[in-house]
Amino acid sequence: MDHISPVLWQFLVKWMTNFALFPPEASKIAPQMDALYFFMVLVSLVGLTIVALLITVFCILYSKERHPVAEQIEGSTLLEATWTIIPLGLFLVMFVWGALLYFRIYTPPANAMNIYVVGKQWMWKAEHPGGQHEINALHIPTGKPIQLTLISQDVFHSFSIPAFRVKREAIPGRYTSVWFEATMPGTYHLFCTQYCGTNHSAMIGEITVLTPDDYKKWLAESTSGMSLAQNGERLFASLSCNACHNAKPDARGPSLANVYGAKLALSNGGTAIADDAYLRESILNPSQHITQGYAPIMPTYQGQISEDGVIALVEYIKNLDSNYRIEQTLNTTDLLPEGDGKNSPAASRSVEQPAGQNAAPKGTVKQ
C-alpha cells in the first residue's frame, strides 16, 4: 500500500468494485445462458490445455537429439476412436443444450405481456398495450413474462439487453419476437448490436425494471389517454375500413371479429393462420392473401400508414371479438392521426360492389 500512489489505489478499488466481466443476471434465462457459456469455456480450456501439453511433451520426447533417425509409428484405432468420440459427444451436448435454450427464448408463454418495439435510425420506440410510448427506454415489471414484437422502419437493427441475455434482430417488413422475465429491479443497458449507419453507436437506451406496484403507478402516470387498440380503432374508422368489413350480407370484405388466431381458407386453395404477421401483410399487401369467396378489390396501404399505425390496427383487430364495435364506428377522416393514411385510396374513394358477393367467412383485412 505504501508503494502505490493514492490516486492509482483509488482507481484500482473503484475498478475492482464496478468492473465486471459479465453484466448482472437480471432475468430468469440469464443463469441458464451463463451455465452453457461457462461449460463451453471450460471445455475449450481443457481442450487447449491437453493440446498444449501434448505438443510440449512430443517436442521433447521426439526431438532430433533424442531420435536422430526418424521412426515409423503405426496408428492406433483405439486412440483415433477416443479423440473422435469424446469431442463429438461434447459437441452434441452443447448443441442440444443450446437448442433447448434457443427454443425457450424464442417461444413466448401464452400469458406474456406483448410490447411492440419499432427500430429506426437511430432510436427505439416502444409501444405498450395501454397506449404508453417510450423513446430509447422501456419500463417493465418483475415476475411477468414480457414478449417484445420487433420490426424496423428502415434498415436492420438488433435489440440487445445484455443483463437479460437476450438479443433479437429488428427486420424491415417482418415481425420478430423475443421474450424474457425480469427478476431484479434496476436500470439496465439497451444496445443496437447491428451496424445501422453513422449514428449506430448512439442507438442506446435504458431498461427500467420496476416492482409490480411501482409498474402500476408508472402505467397510471404515463398513460396517453387511449390504448393501442383504441388508437387502432380511430385509424380503422378514418380509413373507412368498416365500409367493407362490416359483416353485412352484402359486405365486400370478410368479417374481422375473432379473426385473430383463426385458420383461414384462401382463394388459391391454401390456408393461413391469422397472426400478427398475416394481419400486417394483409393491410400492406392485400393481394398476397385473398380470402376465399372475395374479390381482390382492397387497395394497398403500403406507404400510406406508418409502422406505428399498422401496429395500432393489428392490435385493434386482435381485440375485435364482435362486429358490434365495427357497426358503431364512425366513417370519418377527422379522427385520423397525423400522417397515417390521409391520402389513402380508401379515404378518398369507395370500392365498387362485386357482382354476386355474399356474406362471407372471417378472413384477411380487406379494406
Protein backbone atom coordinates (compact mmCIF):
# COMPACT_ATOMS: atom_id res chain seq x y z
CA MET A 1 0.00 0.00 0.00
CA ASP A 2 2.86 2.39 0.88
CA HIS A 3 4.42 1.84 -2.54
CA ILE A 4 1.22 2.59 -4.52
CA SER A 5 0.08 6.07 -5.43
CA PRO A 6 -3.17 7.04 -3.61
CA VAL A 7 -4.70 8.04 -6.96
CA LEU A 8 -3.78 4.69 -8.50
CA TRP A 9 -5.06 2.86 -5.42
CA GLN A 10 -8.42 4.62 -5.61
CA PHE A 11 -8.65 3.81 -9.29
CA LEU A 12 -7.93 0.13 -8.62
CA VAL A 13 -10.51 -0.01 -5.81
CA LYS A 14 -13.22 1.55 -7.99
CA TRP A 15 -12.25 -0.60 -10.96
CA MET A 16 -12.43 -3.82 -8.93
CA THR A 17 -15.74 -2.71 -7.37
CA ASN A 18 -17.56 -1.59 -10.50
CA PHE A 19 -15.96 -3.57 -13.31
CA ALA A 20 -17.48 -6.94 -14.14
CA LEU A 21 -16.67 -9.34 -16.92
CA PHE A 22 -20.35 -10.21 -17.05
CA PRO A 23 -23.39 -7.98 -16.57
CA PRO A 24 -25.77 -8.96 -13.75
CA GLU A 25 -28.09 -11.92 -14.24
CA ALA A 26 -31.34 -9.96 -14.23
CA SER A 27 -33.69 -12.41 -15.96
CA LYS A 28 -34.79 -16.00 -15.48
CA ILE A 29 -32.97 -17.21 -18.57
CA ALA A 30 -29.67 -15.45 -17.73
CA PRO A 31 -28.27 -18.11 -15.31
CA GLN A 32 -29.04 -20.87 -17.82
CA MET A 33 -27.33 -18.95 -20.63
CA ASP A 34 -24.28 -18.35 -18.42
CA ALA A 35 -24.15 -22.02 -17.42
CA LEU A 36 -23.95 -23.05 -21.09
CA TYR A 37 -21.36 -20.35 -21.79
CA PHE A 38 -19.11 -21.38 -18.90
CA PHE A 39 -19.44 -25.03 -19.89
CA MET A 40 -18.25 -24.16 -23.41
CA VAL A 41 -15.38 -22.08 -21.99
CA LEU A 42 -14.39 -24.93 -19.66
CA VAL A 43 -14.41 -27.49 -22.50
CA SER A 44 -12.34 -25.11 -24.65
CA LEU A 45 -9.79 -24.52 -21.87
CA VAL A 46 -9.48 -28.23 -21.14
CA GLY A 47 -9.01 -28.95 -24.85
CA LEU A 48 -6.47 -26.14 -25.17
CA THR A 49 -4.54 -27.43 -22.15
CA ILE A 50 -4.46 -31.02 -23.45
CA VAL A 51 -3.28 -29.95 -26.92
CA ALA A 52 -0.62 -27.60 -25.48
CA LEU A 53 0.70 -30.31 -23.14
CA LEU A 54 0.81 -32.92 -25.90
CA ILE A 55 2.68 -30.56 -28.23
CA THR A 56 5.20 -29.76 -25.48
CA VAL A 57 5.70 -33.40 -24.49
CA PHE A 58 6.04 -34.59 -28.11
CA CYS A 59 8.51 -31.81 -28.88
CA ILE A 60 10.70 -33.06 -26.03
CA LEU A 61 10.29 -36.83 -26.44
CA TYR A 62 10.62 -36.90 -30.21
CA SER A 63 13.21 -34.18 -30.73
CA LYS A 64 16.04 -34.69 -33.23
CA GLU A 65 18.56 -35.02 -30.42
CA ARG A 66 16.71 -37.99 -28.92
CA HIS A 67 15.80 -39.57 -32.26
CA PRO A 68 18.33 -38.61 -34.96
CA VAL A 69 16.80 -41.23 -37.25
CA ALA A 70 13.06 -40.97 -37.91
CA GLU A 71 10.97 -43.98 -36.94
CA GLN A 72 7.66 -45.08 -38.45
CA ILE A 73 4.85 -45.03 -35.85
CA GLU A 74 1.76 -47.01 -36.77
CA GLY A 75 -1.70 -45.60 -35.98
CA SER A 76 -3.93 -46.78 -33.15
CA THR A 77 -7.62 -47.45 -33.83
CA LEU A 78 -8.47 -47.09 -30.15
CA LEU A 79 -6.67 -43.74 -29.90
CA GLU A 80 -8.30 -42.39 -33.05
CA ALA A 81 -11.76 -43.53 -31.90
CA THR A 82 -11.20 -41.91 -28.49
CA TRP A 83 -10.24 -38.47 -29.81
CA THR A 84 -13.18 -38.61 -32.24
CA ILE A 85 -15.98 -39.89 -29.99
CA ILE A 86 -15.23 -37.74 -26.91
CA PRO A 87 -15.20 -34.36 -28.76
CA LEU A 88 -18.26 -35.45 -30.78
CA GLY A 89 -20.11 -36.24 -27.55
CA LEU A 90 -19.17 -32.86 -26.06
CA PHE A 91 -20.27 -31.01 -29.20
CA LEU A 92 -23.61 -32.85 -29.22
CA VAL A 93 -24.17 -31.90 -25.56
CA MET A 94 -23.54 -28.24 -26.45
CA PHE A 95 -25.82 -28.47 -29.48
CA VAL A 96 -28.77 -30.00 -27.61
CA TRP A 97 -28.28 -27.68 -24.61
CA GLY A 98 -28.11 -24.61 -26.89
CA ALA A 99 -31.10 -25.73 -28.97
CA LEU A 100 -33.26 -26.14 -25.85
CA LEU A 101 -32.32 -22.65 -24.68
CA TYR A 102 -32.92 -21.21 -28.15
CA PHE A 103 -36.43 -22.59 -28.43
CA ARG A 104 -37.22 -21.46 -24.91
CA ILE A 105 -36.05 -17.90 -25.57
CA TYR A 106 -37.95 -17.56 -28.85
CA THR A 107 -41.16 -19.32 -27.78
CA PRO A 108 -43.03 -16.90 -25.50
CA PRO A 109 -45.54 -18.25 -22.98
CA ALA A 110 -49.24 -17.72 -23.63
CA ASN A 111 -49.59 -15.28 -20.71
CA ALA A 112 -46.74 -12.99 -21.82
CA MET A 113 -47.44 -9.25 -21.99
CA ASN A 114 -46.78 -8.05 -25.52
CA ILE A 115 -44.92 -4.79 -26.14
CA TYR A 116 -44.21 -3.55 -29.66
CA VAL A 117 -40.77 -2.11 -30.44
CA VAL A 118 -40.03 -0.20 -33.65
CA GLY A 119 -36.42 0.38 -34.59
CA LYS A 120 -35.47 3.31 -36.79
CA GLN A 121 -32.31 5.30 -37.44
CA TRP A 122 -31.29 5.89 -34.70
CA MET A 123 -33.76 5.21 -31.93
CA TRP A 124 -36.00 2.60 -30.35
CA LYS A 125 -39.71 3.30 -29.89
CA ALA A 126 -41.67 1.07 -27.50
CA GLU A 127 -45.47 0.95 -27.57
CA HIS A 128 -47.33 -0.57 -24.64
CA PRO A 129 -50.84 -2.06 -24.93
CA GLY A 130 -52.18 0.68 -22.66
CA GLY A 131 -51.04 3.40 -25.08
CA GLN A 132 -47.81 4.37 -23.30
CA HIS A 133 -44.99 5.33 -25.69
CA GLU A 134 -41.28 5.41 -24.89
CA ILE A 135 -38.22 6.51 -26.84
CA ASN A 136 -34.93 4.70 -26.12
CA ALA A 137 -36.43 3.41 -22.88
CA LEU A 138 -38.57 0.55 -21.69
CA HIS A 139 -40.34 0.11 -18.35
CA ILE A 140 -41.31 -3.42 -17.35
CA PRO A 141 -42.37 -5.21 -14.14
CA THR A 142 -40.58 -8.04 -12.37
CA GLY A 143 -42.10 -11.51 -12.29
CA LYS A 144 -44.08 -11.04 -15.51
CA PRO A 145 -43.18 -12.65 -18.87
CA ILE A 146 -42.62 -9.88 -21.42
CA GLN A 147 -42.82 -10.53 -25.16
CA LEU A 148 -41.25 -7.98 -27.48
CA THR A 149 -42.58 -7.83 -31.03
CA LEU A 150 -39.93 -6.04 -33.07
CA ILE A 151 -39.83 -4.51 -36.52
CA SER A 152 -37.61 -1.98 -38.28
CA GLN A 153 -38.83 1.04 -40.19
CA ASP A 154 -35.67 1.38 -42.31
CA VAL A 155 -32.61 -0.91 -42.03
CA PHE A 156 -31.59 -3.93 -39.98
CA HIS A 157 -31.22 -3.30 -36.24
CA SER A 158 -30.56 -5.64 -33.33
CA PHE A 159 -32.27 -5.18 -29.95
CA SER A 160 -29.90 -6.35 -27.21
CA ILE A 161 -30.22 -6.36 -23.41
CA PRO A 162 -27.00 -7.94 -22.03
CA ALA A 163 -28.29 -8.18 -18.45
CA PHE A 164 -31.21 -10.33 -19.67
CA ARG A 165 -29.01 -12.34 -22.10
CA VAL A 166 -31.41 -11.67 -24.98
CA LYS A 167 -30.82 -10.26 -28.45
CA ARG A 168 -33.15 -10.16 -31.42
CA GLU A 169 -32.94 -8.62 -34.88
CA ALA A 170 -35.44 -5.94 -35.94
CA ILE A 171 -36.01 -6.55 -39.65
CA PRO A 172 -37.75 -4.24 -42.16
CA GLY A 173 -41.12 -5.59 -43.28
CA ARG A 174 -41.25 -8.51 -40.87
CA TYR A 175 -42.13 -9.07 -37.23
CA THR A 176 -39.69 -10.87 -34.96
CA SER A 177 -40.17 -11.62 -31.28
CA VAL A 178 -38.27 -12.49 -28.13
CA TRP A 179 -39.33 -12.82 -24.52
CA PHE A 180 -37.85 -12.65 -21.03
CA GLU A 181 -38.89 -12.36 -17.41
CA ALA A 182 -37.01 -9.78 -15.34
CA THR A 183 -36.10 -10.80 -11.79
CA MET A 184 -34.22 -7.80 -10.34
CA PRO A 185 -35.49 -4.20 -10.14
CA GLY A 186 -32.98 -1.76 -11.54
CA THR A 187 -31.81 0.03 -14.67
CA TYR A 188 -30.04 -1.89 -17.43
CA HIS A 189 -28.39 -1.02 -20.73
CA LEU A 190 -30.08 -1.37 -24.11
CA PHE A 191 -27.95 -1.53 -27.26
CA CYS A 192 -28.29 -1.91 -31.00
CA THR A 193 -25.73 -4.57 -31.88
CA GLN A 194 -26.18 -4.46 -35.66
CA TYR A 195 -24.32 -1.69 -37.51
CA CYS A 196 -27.08 0.52 -38.90
CA GLY A 197 -25.42 3.71 -40.11
CA THR A 198 -23.36 6.65 -38.99
CA ASN A 199 -25.05 7.12 -35.59
CA HIS A 200 -25.23 3.42 -34.75
CA SER A 201 -23.26 3.93 -31.53
CA ALA A 202 -25.87 6.43 -30.32
CA MET A 203 -28.73 3.92 -30.68
CA ILE A 204 -28.77 3.04 -26.99
CA GLY A 205 -31.29 3.24 -24.18
CA GLU A 206 -32.29 2.06 -20.73
CA ILE A 207 -34.46 -0.79 -19.49
CA THR A 208 -36.09 0.11 -16.17
CA VAL A 209 -37.34 -2.86 -14.18
CA LEU A 210 -39.90 -1.99 -11.51
CA THR A 211 -41.75 -3.91 -8.84
CA PRO A 212 -45.35 -4.76 -9.84
CA ASP A 213 -46.76 -1.97 -7.64
CA ASP A 214 -44.31 0.62 -8.98
CA TYR A 215 -45.06 -0.52 -12.53
CA LYS A 216 -48.79 0.04 -11.98
CA LYS A 217 -48.02 3.55 -10.75
CA TRP A 218 -45.86 4.20 -13.80
CA LEU A 219 -48.63 3.00 -16.13
CA ALA A 220 -51.15 5.30 -14.45
CA GLU A 221 -48.80 8.29 -14.66
CA SER A 222 -47.66 7.65 -18.23
CA THR A 223 -50.96 6.93 -19.94
CA SER A 224 -51.74 8.83 -23.14
CA GLY A 225 -55.49 8.53 -22.52
CA MET A 226 -56.04 5.91 -25.21
CA SER A 227 -54.88 2.34 -25.50
CA LEU A 228 -53.09 0.99 -28.55
CA ALA A 229 -56.28 -0.80 -29.63
CA GLN A 230 -58.29 2.42 -29.28
CA ASN A 231 -55.79 4.25 -31.47
CA GLY A 232 -56.23 1.44 -33.98
CA GLU A 233 -59.99 1.84 -33.83
CA ARG A 234 -59.67 5.53 -34.68
CA LEU A 235 -57.45 4.71 -37.63
CA PHE A 236 -59.81 1.92 -38.71
CA ALA A 237 -62.67 4.42 -38.78
CA SER A 238 -60.62 7.11 -40.50
CA LEU A 239 -59.65 4.77 -43.32
CA SER A 240 -63.31 3.73 -43.73
CA CYS A 241 -62.35 0.09 -43.26
CA ASN A 242 -65.82 -0.73 -41.91
CA ALA A 243 -67.34 0.22 -45.29
CA CYS A 244 -66.30 -3.27 -46.41
CA HIS A 245 -65.57 -5.17 -43.18
CA ASN A 246 -68.96 -4.89 -41.54
CA ALA A 247 -70.34 -8.49 -41.57
CA LYS A 248 -73.43 -7.44 -43.53
CA PRO A 249 -74.91 -9.85 -46.10
CA ASP A 250 -73.61 -7.69 -48.94
CA ALA A 251 -70.23 -6.93 -47.31
CA ARG A 252 -67.36 -6.57 -49.76
CA GLY A 253 -64.79 -7.77 -47.23
CA PRO A 254 -64.74 -10.60 -44.68
CA SER A 255 -65.68 -10.13 -41.05
CA LEU A 256 -62.76 -9.34 -38.77
CA ALA A 257 -64.44 -10.34 -35.49
CA ASN A 258 -62.46 -13.13 -33.80
CA VAL A 259 -60.28 -13.45 -36.89
CA TYR A 260 -57.04 -13.31 -34.91
CA GLY A 261 -55.61 -16.79 -34.48
CA ALA A 262 -58.18 -18.33 -36.83
CA LYS A 263 -57.31 -20.68 -39.68
CA LEU A 264 -58.48 -19.02 -42.90
CA ALA A 265 -59.29 -20.51 -46.29
CA LEU A 266 -57.69 -18.59 -49.18
CA SER A 267 -58.84 -18.19 -52.76
CA ASN A 268 -55.81 -20.11 -54.05
CA GLY A 269 -56.91 -23.21 -52.17
CA GLY A 270 -54.41 -22.80 -49.34
CA THR A 271 -54.90 -21.88 -45.71
CA ALA A 272 -53.24 -19.39 -43.36
CA ILE A 273 -53.23 -18.60 -39.66
CA ALA A 274 -54.24 -15.00 -38.94
CA ASP A 275 -51.35 -13.99 -36.67
CA ASP A 276 -49.69 -10.59 -36.33
CA ALA A 277 -47.54 -11.07 -39.43
CA TYR A 278 -50.54 -12.16 -41.51
CA LEU A 279 -52.61 -9.13 -40.47
CA ARG A 280 -49.74 -6.76 -41.23
CA GLU A 281 -49.15 -8.30 -44.65
CA SER A 282 -52.88 -8.19 -45.42
CA ILE A 283 -53.00 -4.46 -44.69
CA LEU A 284 -49.92 -3.52 -46.71
CA ASN A 285 -50.06 -6.16 -49.46
CA PRO A 286 -53.69 -7.37 -49.59
CA SER A 287 -53.31 -9.12 -52.94
CA GLN A 288 -50.99 -11.67 -51.29
CA HIS A 289 -53.81 -13.10 -49.16
CA ILE A 290 -57.27 -13.22 -50.76
CA THR A 291 -59.92 -14.80 -48.58
CA GLN A 292 -61.99 -17.47 -50.27
CA GLY A 293 -65.24 -16.02 -51.65
CA TYR A 294 -63.98 -12.46 -52.05
CA ALA A 295 -62.59 -10.47 -54.94
CA PRO A 296 -59.12 -8.80 -54.75
CA ILE A 297 -60.53 -5.30 -54.51
CA MET A 298 -58.73 -3.98 -51.42
CA PRO A 299 -56.23 -1.16 -52.18
CA THR A 300 -52.74 -1.37 -50.76
CA TYR A 301 -51.75 0.82 -47.83
CA GLN A 302 -48.03 0.46 -48.43
CA GLY A 303 -46.52 3.89 -47.86
CA GLN A 304 -49.84 5.25 -46.59
CA ILE A 305 -49.58 4.05 -42.99
CA SER A 306 -46.52 4.17 -40.73
CA GLU A 307 -45.35 1.12 -38.81
CA ASP A 308 -46.87 2.68 -35.69
CA GLY A 309 -50.22 2.90 -37.46
CA VAL A 310 -50.02 -0.69 -38.66
CA ILE A 311 -49.26 -1.85 -35.12
CA ALA A 312 -52.31 0.03 -33.81
CA LEU A 313 -54.55 -1.53 -36.47
CA VAL A 314 -53.23 -5.02 -35.76
CA GLU A 315 -53.79 -4.56 -32.03
CA TYR A 316 -57.37 -3.36 -32.67
CA ILE A 317 -58.17 -6.36 -34.88
CA LYS A 318 -56.62 -8.74 -32.34
CA ASN A 319 -59.04 -7.44 -29.70
CA LEU A 320 -62.09 -7.36 -32.00
CA ASP A 321 -64.42 -10.04 -30.63
CA SER A 322 -67.70 -8.90 -32.23
CA ASN A 323 -69.00 -6.88 -35.18
CA TYR A 324 -70.92 -4.55 -32.87
CA ARG A 325 -67.83 -2.44 -32.38
CA ILE A 326 -67.38 -2.07 -36.13
CA GLU A 327 -71.03 -1.13 -36.62
CA GLN A 328 -70.69 1.65 -34.06
CA THR A 329 -67.50 3.01 -35.61
CA LEU A 330 -67.90 6.30 -37.46
CA ASN A 331 -66.61 6.75 -41.01
CA THR A 332 -64.65 9.95 -40.70
CA THR A 333 -61.18 11.17 -41.57
CA ASP A 334 -61.29 13.74 -38.78
CA LEU A 335 -60.14 11.11 -36.31
CA LEU A 336 -57.09 10.10 -38.34
CA PRO A 337 -53.75 10.53 -36.57
CA GLU A 338 -51.39 12.88 -38.37
CA GLY A 339 -49.51 11.24 -41.22
CA ASP A 340 -51.38 7.93 -41.23
CA GLY A 341 -53.39 7.35 -44.36
CA LYS A 342 -54.99 10.73 -45.01
CA ASN A 343 -54.22 10.31 -48.67
CA SER A 344 -55.00 6.59 -48.76
CA PRO A 345 -57.20 5.16 -51.51
CA ALA A 346 -59.99 4.18 -49.13
CA ALA A 347 -60.10 7.58 -47.50
CA SER A 348 -60.87 9.26 -50.82
CA ARG A 349 -62.95 6.69 -52.68
CA SER A 350 -65.04 3.61 -52.12
CA VAL A 351 -64.71 0.30 -53.92
CA GLU A 352 -67.41 -0.94 -56.23
CA GLN A 353 -69.53 -3.84 -55.07
CA PRO A 354 -68.52 -7.03 -56.91
CA ALA A 355 -71.33 -8.96 -58.51
CA GLY A 356 -72.71 -11.90 -56.61
CA GLN A 357 -70.90 -11.14 -53.35
CA ASN A 358 -72.42 -12.88 -50.36
CA ALA A 359 -71.84 -12.80 -46.65
CA ALA A 360 -68.50 -14.39 -46.05
CA PRO A 361 -66.31 -16.15 -43.58
CA LYS A 362 -63.74 -14.47 -41.41
CA GLY A 363 -60.66 -13.53 -43.33
CA THR A 364 -57.94 -11.18 -44.27
CA VAL A 365 -58.10 -7.45 -43.84
CA LYS A 366 -59.82 -6.23 -46.95
CA GLN A 367 -60.29 -2.51 -46.72
